[in-house]
Amino acid sequence: MTQLEDDQARVEERIATACRQAGRAREEVRLLAVSKTRSDAEIQALHRLGQRLFGENYVQEFIAKHDALTGLEPPLEWHFIGALQTNKTRAVAERAAWVHGIDRLKIAERLSRQRPAGMAPLQVCLQIDLSGEPGKAGVPPREAGGLAAAVAPLPNLVLRGLMAIPAPAEDPTAQRRPFARLRELRDALNTRGLELDTLSMGMSDDLEAAILEGSTLVRVGTALFGPRRPKARQ
C-alpha cells in the first residue's frame, strides 16, 4: 500500500467513525480533497483511488490544473474554496462546479453573469466569519440573511449552504462550538424560506467535530497529501 492509499484509508475511517458516533449515514458527508500546491500526478493518483472532488484556493493554479486534467474519467468535480477578487471571477465561473467563499454580493453577481450558457448552474456557499477577527474573510453572521436573500435569486447560481474556517482549537468541545453556530445559522436561514442543505466545515484537524455538528462536506488536504507545500506563485 502506498502512503497516499494509507492516508486516504485513514481519512475515510475517521469520517466513517465520526458518522457512526453522530448517528449519521456515511453518505451524508462528502470528502473534498484540498489539492492546492499539489501536482497533477498527485491528483491523478488520488483520482485512481476513487476520489472525485478536488478543491483549489488560488485562481491561476486552479486554471492550470483544471485545464490539464479535463480529460480524466470519471471527471473531476472542481470546487473553488479560496478568496475571489473581482478581476478573477470569470475563470472560476467558466470552470468550477462549486464556489465556497462568497462573502460579497458583487462577487456572486459577477459569477452569475459570467457562467457560460449551457453549463449547469454554479453551486455556491456563503463564507461566514465566526470569529470577528479584523481582516478575516467571510460575512458576519448578522449580515448572512441579507446576503443570502440577495444571492439566492441570481440566475445561473444555486445557493446551497454555508462555509466557515473557525480559529484552530485542540479541545474537541471547543472545536464543536463554532460548527454548532454555523449549523444553527443555516437552520435559522431556512426558516426564512431558503433551502440550504450544505455545511462546508471541517478540515484535517477537526473533521470529527464538524461531522458531529452536521457537516455535509469536509475539506481535507494535509491528512490526505501530507504537510502543505509553499504557496504557488500567482
C-alpha atoms as a PDB file:
ATOM      1  CA  MET A   1       0.000   0.000   0.000  1.00  0.00           C
ATOM      2  CA  THR A   2       1.361   3.428  -0.931  1.00  0.00           C
ATOM      3  CA  GLN A   3       1.469   6.325   1.516  1.00  0.00           C
ATOM      4  CA  LEU A   4      -1.368   8.003  -0.351  1.00  0.00           C
ATOM      5  CA  GLU A   5      -3.514   4.869  -0.142  1.00  0.00           C
ATOM      6  CA  ASP A   6      -2.794   4.571   3.565  1.00  0.00           C
ATOM      7  CA  ASP A   7      -3.612   8.235   4.210  1.00  0.00           C
ATOM      8  CA  GLN A   8      -6.831   8.044   2.219  1.00  0.00           C
ATOM      9  CA  ALA A   9      -7.907   4.940   4.136  1.00  0.00           C
ATOM     10  CA  ARG A  10      -7.214   6.693   7.449  1.00  0.00           C
ATOM     11  CA  VAL A  11      -9.263   9.729   6.443  1.00  0.00           C
ATOM     12  CA  GLU A  12     -12.123   7.543   5.254  1.00  0.00           C
ATOM     13  CA  GLU A  13     -12.107   5.638   8.542  1.00  0.00           C
ATOM     14  CA  ARG A  14     -12.115   8.900  10.528  1.00  0.00           C
ATOM     15  CA  ILE A  15     -15.132  10.116   8.574  1.00  0.00           C
ATOM     16  CA  ALA A  16     -16.956   6.806   8.921  1.00  0.00           C
ATOM     17  CA  THR A  17     -16.267   6.640  12.671  1.00  0.00           C
ATOM     18  CA  ALA A  18     -17.493  10.209  13.212  1.00  0.00           C
ATOM     19  CA  CYS A  19     -20.643   9.461  11.211  1.00  0.00           C
ATOM     20  CA  ARG A  20     -21.354   6.410  13.371  1.00  0.00           C
ATOM     21  CA  GLN A  21     -20.871   8.469  16.517  1.00  0.00           C
ATOM     22  CA  ALA A  22     -23.268  11.094  15.172  1.00  0.00           C
ATOM     23  CA  GLY A  23     -25.850   8.506  14.123  1.00  0.00           C
ATOM     24  CA  ARG A  24     -25.485   9.573  10.505  1.00  0.00           C
ATOM     25  CA  ALA A  25     -25.015   7.636   7.283  1.00  0.00           C
ATOM     26  CA  ARG A  26     -21.533   7.817   5.758  1.00  0.00           C
ATOM     27  CA  GLU A  27     -23.133   9.013   2.511  1.00  0.00           C
ATOM     28  CA  GLU A  28     -24.250  12.239   4.218  1.00  0.00           C
ATOM     29  CA  VAL A  29     -20.684  13.587   4.273  1.00  0.00           C
ATOM     30  CA  ARG A  30     -18.686  14.306   1.116  1.00  0.00           C
ATOM     31  CA  LEU A  31     -14.887  14.417   1.139  1.00  0.00           C
ATOM     32  CA  LEU A  32     -13.286  17.323  -0.709  1.00  0.00           C
ATOM     33  CA  ALA A  33      -9.565  16.792  -1.336  1.00  0.00           C
ATOM     34  CA  VAL A  34      -7.813  20.152  -0.984  1.00  0.00           C
ATOM     35  CA  SER A  35      -5.168  19.920  -3.677  1.00  0.00           C
ATOM     36  CA  LYS A  36      -3.580  23.381  -3.565  1.00  0.00           C
ATOM     37  CA  THR A  37       0.187  23.226  -4.216  1.00  0.00           C
ATOM     38  CA  ARG A  38      -0.157  19.538  -5.188  1.00  0.00           C
ATOM     39  CA  SER A  39       0.942  18.231  -8.558  1.00  0.00           C
ATOM     40  CA  ASP A  40      -1.225  16.930 -11.367  1.00  0.00           C
ATOM     41  CA  ALA A  41       0.323  13.499 -10.756  1.00  0.00           C
ATOM     42  CA  GLU A  42      -0.759  13.509  -7.105  1.00  0.00           C
ATOM     43  CA  ILE A  43      -4.300  14.477  -8.076  1.00  0.00           C
ATOM     44  CA  GLN A  44      -4.378  11.734 -10.705  1.00  0.00           C
ATOM     45  CA  ALA A  45      -3.127   9.195  -8.157  1.00  0.00           C
ATOM     46  CA  LEU A  46      -5.908  10.096  -5.718  1.00  0.00           C
ATOM     47  CA  HIS A  47      -8.415  10.053  -8.561  1.00  0.00           C
ATOM     48  CA  ARG A  48      -7.366   6.480  -9.344  1.00  0.00           C
ATOM     49  CA  LEU A  49      -8.233   5.609  -5.730  1.00  0.00           C
ATOM     50  CA  GLY A  50     -11.775   6.836  -6.304  1.00  0.00           C
ATOM     51  CA  GLN A  51     -11.622  10.477  -5.198  1.00  0.00           C
ATOM     52  CA  ARG A  52     -13.691  12.804  -7.386  1.00  0.00           C
ATOM     53  CA  LEU A  53     -13.991  16.136  -5.505  1.00  0.00           C
ATOM     54  CA  PHE A  54     -10.979  18.450  -5.503  1.00  0.00           C
ATOM     55  CA  GLY A  55     -10.670  21.963  -4.074  1.00  0.00           C
ATOM     56  CA  GLU A  56      -8.313  24.773  -5.060  1.00  0.00           C
ATOM     57  CA  ASN A  57      -7.550  28.117  -3.383  1.00  0.00           C
ATOM     58  CA  TYR A  58      -5.533  30.039  -5.975  1.00  0.00           C
ATOM     59  CA  VAL A  59      -7.035  31.008  -9.303  1.00  0.00           C
ATOM     60  CA  GLN A  60      -4.031  30.595 -11.601  1.00  0.00           C
ATOM     61  CA  GLU A  61      -3.174  27.219 -10.101  1.00  0.00           C
ATOM     62  CA  PHE A  62      -6.802  26.170 -10.413  1.00  0.00           C
ATOM     63  CA  ILE A  63      -6.925  27.143 -14.091  1.00  0.00           C
ATOM     64  CA  ALA A  64      -3.774  25.172 -14.891  1.00  0.00           C
ATOM     65  CA  LYS A  65      -4.920  22.023 -13.090  1.00  0.00           C
ATOM     66  CA  HIS A  66      -8.473  22.147 -14.363  1.00  0.00           C
ATOM     67  CA  ASP A  67      -7.373  22.535 -17.968  1.00  0.00           C
ATOM     68  CA  ALA A  68      -4.661  19.867 -17.728  1.00  0.00           C
ATOM     69  CA  LEU A  69      -6.931  17.263 -16.114  1.00  0.00           C
ATOM     70  CA  THR A  70     -10.161  17.858 -18.018  1.00  0.00           C
ATOM     71  CA  GLY A  71      -9.910  14.539 -19.842  1.00  0.00           C
ATOM     72  CA  LEU A  72      -9.921  12.310 -16.760  1.00  0.00           C
ATOM     73  CA  GLU A  73     -12.744   9.785 -16.472  1.00  0.00           C
ATOM     74  CA  PRO A  74     -14.827   9.821 -14.415  1.00  0.00           C
ATOM     75  CA  PRO A  75     -14.479  13.626 -14.486  1.00  0.00           C
ATOM     76  CA  LEU A  76     -13.279  15.617 -11.503  1.00  0.00           C
ATOM     77  CA  GLU A  77     -15.687  17.887  -9.649  1.00  0.00           C
ATOM     78  CA  TRP A  78     -13.791  21.112  -9.008  1.00  0.00           C
ATOM     79  CA  HIS A  79     -14.564  23.328  -6.015  1.00  0.00           C
ATOM     80  CA  PHE A  80     -13.018  26.779  -5.651  1.00  0.00           C
ATOM     81  CA  ILE A  81     -12.546  27.423  -1.933  1.00  0.00           C
ATOM     82  CA  GLY A  82     -10.300  30.488  -1.796  1.00  0.00           C
ATOM     83  CA  ALA A  83     -10.932  34.203  -1.689  1.00  0.00           C
ATOM     84  CA  LEU A  84     -12.001  35.639  -5.053  1.00  0.00           C
ATOM     85  CA  GLN A  85     -11.061  39.007  -6.482  1.00  0.00           C
ATOM     86  CA  THR A  86     -13.476  40.621  -8.908  1.00  0.00           C
ATOM     87  CA  ASN A  87     -10.964  40.510 -11.774  1.00  0.00           C
ATOM     88  CA  LYS A  88     -10.620  36.711 -11.462  1.00  0.00           C
ATOM     89  CA  THR A  89     -14.235  35.606 -11.271  1.00  0.00           C
ATOM     90  CA  ARG A  90     -14.628  34.771 -14.963  1.00  0.00           C
ATOM     91  CA  ALA A  91     -12.050  31.968 -14.947  1.00  0.00           C
ATOM     92  CA  VAL A  92     -13.763  30.391 -11.940  1.00  0.00           C
ATOM     93  CA  ALA A  93     -17.263  30.861 -13.381  1.00  0.00           C
ATOM     94  CA  GLU A  94     -16.155  29.074 -16.545  1.00  0.00           C
ATOM     95  CA  ARG A  95     -14.581  26.082 -14.778  1.00  0.00           C
ATOM     96  CA  ALA A  96     -15.770  25.387 -11.237  1.00  0.00           C
ATOM     97  CA  ALA A  97     -18.724  23.266 -10.176  1.00  0.00           C
ATOM     98  CA  TRP A  98     -18.812  24.895  -6.718  1.00  0.00           C
ATOM     99  CA  VAL A  99     -17.594  28.121  -5.104  1.00  0.00           C
ATOM    100  CA  HIS A 100     -17.419  28.079  -1.314  1.00  0.00           C
ATOM    101  CA  GLY A 101     -16.236  31.556  -0.414  1.00  0.00           C
ATOM    102  CA  ILE A 102     -18.992  34.013  -1.374  1.00  0.00           C
ATOM    103  CA  ASP A 103     -18.936  36.916   1.084  1.00  0.00           C
ATOM    104  CA  ARG A 104     -19.893  39.831  -1.178  1.00  0.00           C
ATOM    105  CA  LEU A 105     -22.878  40.291  -3.445  1.00  0.00           C
ATOM    106  CA  LYS A 106     -20.644  41.760  -6.159  1.00  0.00           C
ATOM    107  CA  ILE A 107     -18.712  38.503  -6.454  1.00  0.00           C
ATOM    108  CA  ALA A 108     -21.916  36.473  -6.705  1.00  0.00           C
ATOM    109  CA  GLU A 109     -23.333  38.819  -9.344  1.00  0.00           C
ATOM    110  CA  ARG A 110     -20.195  38.539 -11.474  1.00  0.00           C
ATOM    111  CA  LEU A 111     -20.173  34.750 -11.206  1.00  0.00           C
ATOM    112  CA  SER A 112     -23.830  34.698 -12.228  1.00  0.00           C
ATOM    113  CA  ARG A 113     -23.240  36.895 -15.292  1.00  0.00           C
ATOM    114  CA  GLN A 114     -20.095  35.055 -16.341  1.00  0.00           C
ATOM    115  CA  ARG A 115     -21.377  31.484 -16.028  1.00  0.00           C
ATOM    116  CA  PRO A 116     -21.371  30.193 -19.621  1.00  0.00           C
ATOM    117  CA  ALA A 117     -24.661  29.310 -21.259  1.00  0.00           C
ATOM    118  CA  GLY A 118     -25.164  25.581 -21.382  1.00  0.00           C
ATOM    119  CA  MET A 119     -23.246  24.833 -18.197  1.00  0.00           C
ATOM    120  CA  ALA A 120     -25.051  23.591 -15.120  1.00  0.00           C
ATOM    121  CA  PRO A 121     -25.727  26.305 -12.521  1.00  0.00           C
ATOM    122  CA  LEU A 122     -22.776  27.102 -10.275  1.00  0.00           C
ATOM    123  CA  GLN A 123     -23.317  25.748  -6.753  1.00  0.00           C
ATOM    124  CA  VAL A 124     -22.298  28.319  -4.134  1.00  0.00           C
ATOM    125  CA  CYS A 125     -21.896  28.679  -0.388  1.00  0.00           C
ATOM    126  CA  LEU A 126     -21.661  31.829   1.686  1.00  0.00           C
ATOM    127  CA  GLN A 127     -18.496  32.105   3.769  1.00  0.00           C
ATOM    128  CA  ILE A 128     -19.292  33.100   7.340  1.00  0.00           C
ATOM    129  CA  ASP A 129     -16.802  34.831   9.632  1.00  0.00           C
ATOM    130  CA  LEU A 130     -17.463  33.257  13.027  1.00  0.00           C
ATOM    131  CA  SER A 131     -14.519  34.867  14.840  1.00  0.00           C
ATOM    132  CA  GLY A 132     -14.911  38.551  14.016  1.00  0.00           C
ATOM    133  CA  GLU A 133     -11.155  38.995  13.659  1.00  0.00           C
ATOM    134  CA  PRO A 134     -10.072  42.073  11.652  1.00  0.00           C
ATOM    135  CA  GLY A 135      -9.320  41.139   8.064  1.00  0.00           C
ATOM    136  CA  LYS A 136     -10.899  37.719   8.362  1.00  0.00           C
ATOM    137  CA  ALA A 137     -12.668  36.557   5.212  1.00  0.00           C
ATOM    138  CA  GLY A 138     -16.389  35.994   5.395  1.00  0.00           C
ATOM    139  CA  VAL A 139     -19.603  37.822   6.126  1.00  0.00           C
ATOM    140  CA  PRO A 140     -20.578  38.368   9.787  1.00  0.00           C
ATOM    141  CA  PRO A 141     -23.423  36.092  10.927  1.00  0.00           C
ATOM    142  CA  ARG A 142     -25.718  39.102  11.455  1.00  0.00           C
ATOM    143  CA  GLU A 143     -25.360  40.009   7.757  1.00  0.00           C
ATOM    144  CA  ALA A 144     -25.745  36.487   6.391  1.00  0.00           C
ATOM    145  CA  GLY A 145     -29.505  36.712   5.988  1.00  0.00           C
ATOM    146  CA  GLY A 146     -29.341  39.807   3.824  1.00  0.00           C
ATOM    147  CA  LEU A 147     -26.600  38.407   1.633  1.00  0.00           C
ATOM    148  CA  ALA A 148     -28.378  35.058   1.272  1.00  0.00           C
ATOM    149  CA  ALA A 149     -31.607  36.784   0.257  1.00  0.00           C
ATOM    150  CA  ALA A 150     -29.730  38.739  -2.423  1.00  0.00           C
ATOM    151  CA  VAL A 151     -27.720  35.780  -3.775  1.00  0.00           C
ATOM    152  CA  ALA A 152     -30.494  33.152  -3.849  1.00  0.00           C
ATOM    153  CA  PRO A 153     -32.470  34.677  -6.787  1.00  0.00           C
ATOM    154  CA  LEU A 154     -29.447  35.200  -9.055  1.00  0.00           C
ATOM    155  CA  PRO A 155     -29.628  33.266 -12.315  1.00  0.00           C
ATOM    156  CA  ASN A 156     -27.016  30.612 -13.073  1.00  0.00           C
ATOM    157  CA  LEU A 157     -26.265  30.120  -9.364  1.00  0.00           C
ATOM    158  CA  VAL A 158     -27.747  27.793  -6.752  1.00  0.00           C
ATOM    159  CA  LEU A 159     -27.209  28.858  -3.160  1.00  0.00           C
ATOM    160  CA  ARG A 160     -26.500  25.581  -1.376  1.00  0.00           C
ATOM    161  CA  GLY A 161     -25.313  26.488   2.090  1.00  0.00           C
ATOM    162  CA  LEU A 162     -22.661  27.962   4.368  1.00  0.00           C
ATOM    163  CA  MET A 163     -18.911  27.602   4.770  1.00  0.00           C
ATOM    164  CA  ALA A 164     -16.620  28.597   7.637  1.00  0.00           C
ATOM    165  CA  ILE A 165     -12.996  28.288   8.718  1.00  0.00           C
ATOM    166  CA  PRO A 166     -13.012  28.646  12.521  1.00  0.00           C
ATOM    167  CA  ALA A 167      -9.922  29.515  14.516  1.00  0.00           C
ATOM    168  CA  PRO A 168      -7.918  26.372  15.378  1.00  0.00           C
ATOM    169  CA  ALA A 169      -8.685  24.652  18.678  1.00  0.00           C
ATOM    170  CA  GLU A 170      -7.284  21.451  20.152  1.00  0.00           C
ATOM    171  CA  ASP A 171     -10.084  20.603  22.583  1.00  0.00           C
ATOM    172  CA  PRO A 172     -12.906  18.696  20.824  1.00  0.00           C
ATOM    173  CA  THR A 173     -15.553  20.575  22.785  1.00  0.00           C
ATOM    174  CA  ALA A 174     -14.071  23.911  21.737  1.00  0.00           C
ATOM    175  CA  GLN A 175     -13.860  22.691  18.136  1.00  0.00           C
ATOM    176  CA  ARG A 176     -17.555  21.893  18.087  1.00  0.00           C
ATOM    177  CA  ARG A 177     -18.806  25.317  19.261  1.00  0.00           C
ATOM    178  CA  PRO A 178     -18.262  27.295  16.017  1.00  0.00           C
ATOM    179  CA  PHE A 179     -19.570  24.403  13.934  1.00  0.00           C
ATOM    180  CA  ALA A 180     -22.715  24.334  16.045  1.00  0.00           C
ATOM    181  CA  ARG A 181     -23.107  28.076  15.451  1.00  0.00           C
ATOM    182  CA  LEU A 182     -22.850  27.601  11.697  1.00  0.00           C
ATOM    183  CA  ARG A 183     -25.432  24.815  11.772  1.00  0.00           C
ATOM    184  CA  GLU A 184     -27.791  26.966  13.847  1.00  0.00           C
ATOM    185  CA  LEU A 185     -27.330  29.858  11.412  1.00  0.00           C
ATOM    186  CA  ARG A 186     -28.118  27.572   8.477  1.00  0.00           C
ATOM    187  CA  ASP A 187     -31.259  26.345  10.225  1.00  0.00           C
ATOM    188  CA  ALA A 188     -32.322  29.910  11.038  1.00  0.00           C
ATOM    189  CA  LEU A 189     -31.914  30.969   7.407  1.00  0.00           C
ATOM    190  CA  ASN A 190     -34.003  28.015   6.298  1.00  0.00           C
ATOM    191  CA  THR A 191     -36.872  29.208   8.485  1.00  0.00           C
ATOM    192  CA  ARG A 192     -36.911  32.324   6.250  1.00  0.00           C
ATOM    193  CA  GLY A 193     -37.741  30.246   3.194  1.00  0.00           C
ATOM    194  CA  LEU A 194     -34.272  29.287   1.998  1.00  0.00           C
ATOM    195  CA  GLU A 195     -33.430  25.660   1.225  1.00  0.00           C
ATOM    196  CA  LEU A 196     -29.812  25.332   2.319  1.00  0.00           C
ATOM    197  CA  ASP A 197     -28.609  21.739   2.500  1.00  0.00           C
ATOM    198  CA  THR A 198     -24.841  22.162   2.727  1.00  0.00           C
ATOM    199  CA  LEU A 199     -22.470  22.856   5.616  1.00  0.00           C
ATOM    200  CA  SER A 200     -18.918  23.078   4.283  1.00  0.00           C
ATOM    201  CA  MET A 201     -16.964  22.785   7.513  1.00  0.00           C
ATOM    202  CA  GLY A 202     -14.224  20.665   8.998  1.00  0.00           C
ATOM    203  CA  MET A 203     -10.618  20.127   7.916  1.00  0.00           C
ATOM    204  CA  SER A 204      -7.791  17.725   8.701  1.00  0.00           C
ATOM    205  CA  ASP A 205      -7.551  18.583  12.399  1.00  0.00           C
ATOM    206  CA  ASP A 206     -11.230  18.948  13.284  1.00  0.00           C
ATOM    207  CA  LEU A 207     -13.320  16.973  10.803  1.00  0.00           C
ATOM    208  CA  GLU A 208     -14.770  14.767  13.568  1.00  0.00           C
ATOM    209  CA  ALA A 209     -16.126  17.771  15.478  1.00  0.00           C
ATOM    210  CA  ALA A 210     -17.596  19.183  12.265  1.00  0.00           C
ATOM    211  CA  ILE A 211     -19.341  15.928  11.374  1.00  0.00           C
ATOM    212  CA  LEU A 212     -20.796  15.651  14.872  1.00  0.00           C
ATOM    213  CA  GLU A 213     -22.320  19.105  14.340  1.00  0.00           C
ATOM    214  CA  GLY A 214     -23.797  18.321  10.935  1.00  0.00           C
ATOM    215  CA  SER A 215     -21.109  18.948   8.326  1.00  0.00           C
ATOM    216  CA  THR A 216     -22.062  17.661   4.884  1.00  0.00           C
ATOM    217  CA  LEU A 217     -18.674  18.363   3.290  1.00  0.00           C
ATOM    218  CA  VAL A 218     -15.223  18.239   4.894  1.00  0.00           C
ATOM    219  CA  ARG A 219     -12.256  19.914   3.209  1.00  0.00           C
ATOM    220  CA  VAL A 220      -9.131  17.809   3.777  1.00  0.00           C
ATOM    221  CA  GLY A 221      -5.631  18.490   2.489  1.00  0.00           C
ATOM    222  CA  THR A 222      -2.828  17.669   4.914  1.00  0.00           C
ATOM    223  CA  ALA A 223      -4.334  14.412   6.173  1.00  0.00           C
ATOM    224  CA  LEU A 224      -4.521  13.162   2.575  1.00  0.00           C
ATOM    225  CA  PHE A 225      -1.418  14.624   0.950  1.00  0.00           C
ATOM    226  CA  GLY A 226       0.939  15.306   3.855  1.00  0.00           C
ATOM    227  CA  PRO A 227       2.312  18.673   5.060  1.00  0.00           C
ATOM    228  CA  ARG A 228       1.423  21.681   2.972  1.00  0.00           C
ATOM    229  CA  ARG A 229       3.929  22.916   0.425  1.00  0.00           C
ATOM    230  CA  PRO A 230       4.811  26.589  -0.114  1.00  0.00           C
ATOM    231  CA  LYS A 231       2.161  28.606  -1.927  1.00  0.00           C
ATOM    232  CA  ALA A 232       2.441  28.566  -5.691  1.00  0.00           C
ATOM    233  CA  ARG A 233       3.256  31.964  -7.204  1.00  0.00           C
ATOM    234  CA  GLN A 234       0.281  33.630  -8.960  1.00  0.00           C
END
